Amino acid sequence: MLGGFNMCWTDSKTTLADLPKQCSPSSLAAVTRARATIDGVPINIRQYLVTSSIVKASLPKGNTFGIKEPSTSFLVTGWFPLLRPLAPGKHTLRGIIDVKNYGTIDVTYRIMITE
């Protein structure tokens, strides 16, 4: 994750019709800072705003999301940069977002491209 995102799903309180509004780009207003770098070079993460299609899913009991219903529908809105292929060698990808009333999420990936 180099950028921030909001994931919404249906449950006993949220219907399929609620998802587009609940997961609209304005749902990211709590993100007060979004920054990303590749090998120390900044990229404009906010230019990569994407909203997914609605996806149906069946989830097992005890799933990570805490969804109790056996099936649900998801929608995701967020900043997802598409990268050109990186040259062979070591690279560092870093993403930092500040979320109001939550804190800072700071993720660093160190990767090796072999071919």
Protein backbone atom coordinates (compact mmCIF):
# COMPACT_ATOMS: atom_id res chain seq x y z
CA MET A 1 0.00 0.00 0.00
CA LEU A 2 1.61 3.22 -1.12
CA GLY A 3 -1.59 5.23 -0.84
CA GLY A 4 -4.70 5.37 1.26
CA PHE A 5 -7.99 3.67 0.59
CA ASN A 6 -11.46 3.12 1.98
CA MET A 7 -13.11 -0.29 1.68
CA CYS A 8 -16.87 -0.58 2.16
CA TRP A 9 -19.07 -3.68 2.25
CA THR A 10 -22.67 -4.68 2.70
CA ASP A 11 -23.90 -5.97 6.03
CA SER A 12 -27.06 -5.82 8.11
CA LYS A 13 -26.84 -1.99 8.18
CA THR A 14 -25.40 -1.25 4.71
CA THR A 15 -27.19 -2.12 1.48
CA LEU A 16 -25.79 -2.44 -2.02
CA ALA A 17 -27.35 0.94 -2.86
CA ASP A 18 -25.39 2.54 0.04
CA LEU A 19 -21.93 1.48 -1.20
CA PRO A 20 -21.30 4.14 -3.89
CA LYS A 21 -22.07 6.98 -1.47
CA GLN A 22 -20.32 5.39 1.49
CA CYS A 23 -17.16 4.72 -0.53
CA SER A 24 -17.15 7.85 -2.69
CA PRO A 25 -13.90 9.81 -3.12
CA SER A 26 -15.15 12.20 -0.41
CA SER A 27 -14.85 9.26 2.03
CA LEU A 28 -11.09 9.88 1.89
CA ALA A 29 -11.47 13.37 3.41
CA ALA A 30 -10.07 12.06 6.71
CA VAL A 31 -6.71 11.54 4.96
CA THR A 32 -4.90 14.78 5.73
CA ARG A 33 -1.60 13.79 4.10
CA ALA A 34 -0.78 11.19 1.45
CA ARG A 35 2.82 10.89 0.33
CA ALA A 36 4.74 8.23 -1.58
CA THR A 37 8.27 7.81 -2.85
CA ILE A 38 10.10 5.36 -5.07
CA ASP A 39 13.82 5.22 -4.31
CA GLY A 40 13.43 8.57 -2.52
CA VAL A 41 11.77 10.28 -5.50
CA PRO A 42 8.30 11.63 -4.67
CA ILE A 43 5.30 10.62 -6.74
CA ASN A 44 1.99 12.50 -6.77
CA ILE A 45 -0.09 9.78 -5.15
CA ARG A 46 -3.34 11.76 -5.37
CA GLN A 47 -3.35 11.57 -9.17
CA TYR A 48 -4.04 7.83 -8.91
CA LEU A 49 -7.56 7.99 -7.43
CA VAL A 50 -9.58 4.92 -8.39
CA THR A 51 -12.99 3.53 -7.42
CA SER A 52 -13.52 -0.16 -8.06
CA SER A 53 -16.54 -1.92 -9.42
CA ILE A 54 -18.75 -3.66 -6.88
CA VAL A 55 -17.41 -7.15 -6.23
CA LYS A 56 -19.36 -10.00 -4.62
CA ALA A 57 -17.53 -12.24 -2.17
CA SER A 58 -18.16 -15.24 0.06
CA LEU A 59 -16.13 -15.08 3.24
CA PRO A 60 -15.33 -17.73 5.84
CA LYS A 61 -16.39 -17.40 9.48
CA GLY A 62 -13.86 -15.46 11.51
CA ASN A 63 -12.67 -13.47 8.47
CA THR A 64 -10.27 -10.53 8.89
CA PHE A 65 -13.01 -7.96 8.27
CA GLY A 66 -15.30 -9.26 11.02
CA ILE A 67 -18.15 -9.71 8.55
CA LYS A 68 -20.67 -12.19 9.96
CA GLU A 69 -22.78 -12.66 6.82
CA PRO A 70 -21.64 -15.56 4.61
CA SER A 71 -21.62 -13.34 1.50
CA THR A 72 -21.17 -9.63 0.95
CA SER A 73 -20.37 -7.06 -1.71
CA PHE A 74 -17.29 -4.81 -1.60
CA LEU A 75 -16.37 -1.46 -3.09
CA VAL A 76 -12.97 0.21 -2.73
CA THR A 77 -11.95 3.83 -3.33
CA GLY A 78 -8.34 4.88 -2.95
CA TRP A 79 -5.03 5.97 -4.38
CA PHE A 80 -3.36 3.07 -6.19
CA PRO A 81 -0.32 4.09 -8.23
CA LEU A 82 0.56 2.14 -11.34
CA LEU A 83 4.31 1.84 -11.72
CA ARG A 84 6.39 1.38 -14.81
CA PRO A 85 8.63 -1.67 -14.58
CA LEU A 86 11.55 -0.93 -12.30
CA ALA A 87 15.12 -1.61 -13.40
CA PRO A 88 16.83 -4.71 -12.02
CA GLY A 89 18.32 -4.10 -8.57
CA LYS A 90 17.22 -3.01 -5.10
CA HIS A 91 14.39 -0.51 -4.71
CA THR A 92 12.59 1.15 -1.82
CA LEU A 93 8.91 2.08 -2.04
CA ARG A 94 7.46 4.12 0.82
CA GLY A 95 3.95 5.37 1.54
CA ILE A 96 2.87 7.63 4.39
CA ILE A 97 -0.69 8.71 5.13
CA ASP A 98 -2.07 10.69 8.04
CA VAL A 99 -5.67 9.94 8.94
CA LYS A 100 -7.63 12.34 11.15
CA ASN A 101 -8.54 10.77 14.52
CA TYR A 102 -6.47 7.68 13.69
CA GLY A 103 -2.80 8.53 13.24
CA THR A 104 -0.06 7.90 10.72
CA ILE A 105 0.43 4.82 8.59
CA ASP A 106 4.00 4.56 7.34
CA VAL A 107 4.83 1.57 5.13
CA THR A 108 8.19 0.79 3.51
CA TYR A 109 8.80 -1.99 0.99
CA ARG A 110 12.34 -3.02 0.10
CA ILE A 111 12.25 -5.10 -3.03
CA MET A 112 14.74 -6.74 -5.39
CA ILE A 113 14.02 -6.87 -9.13
CA THR A 114 15.98 -9.71 -10.69
CA GLU A 115 14.96 -9.48 -14.36
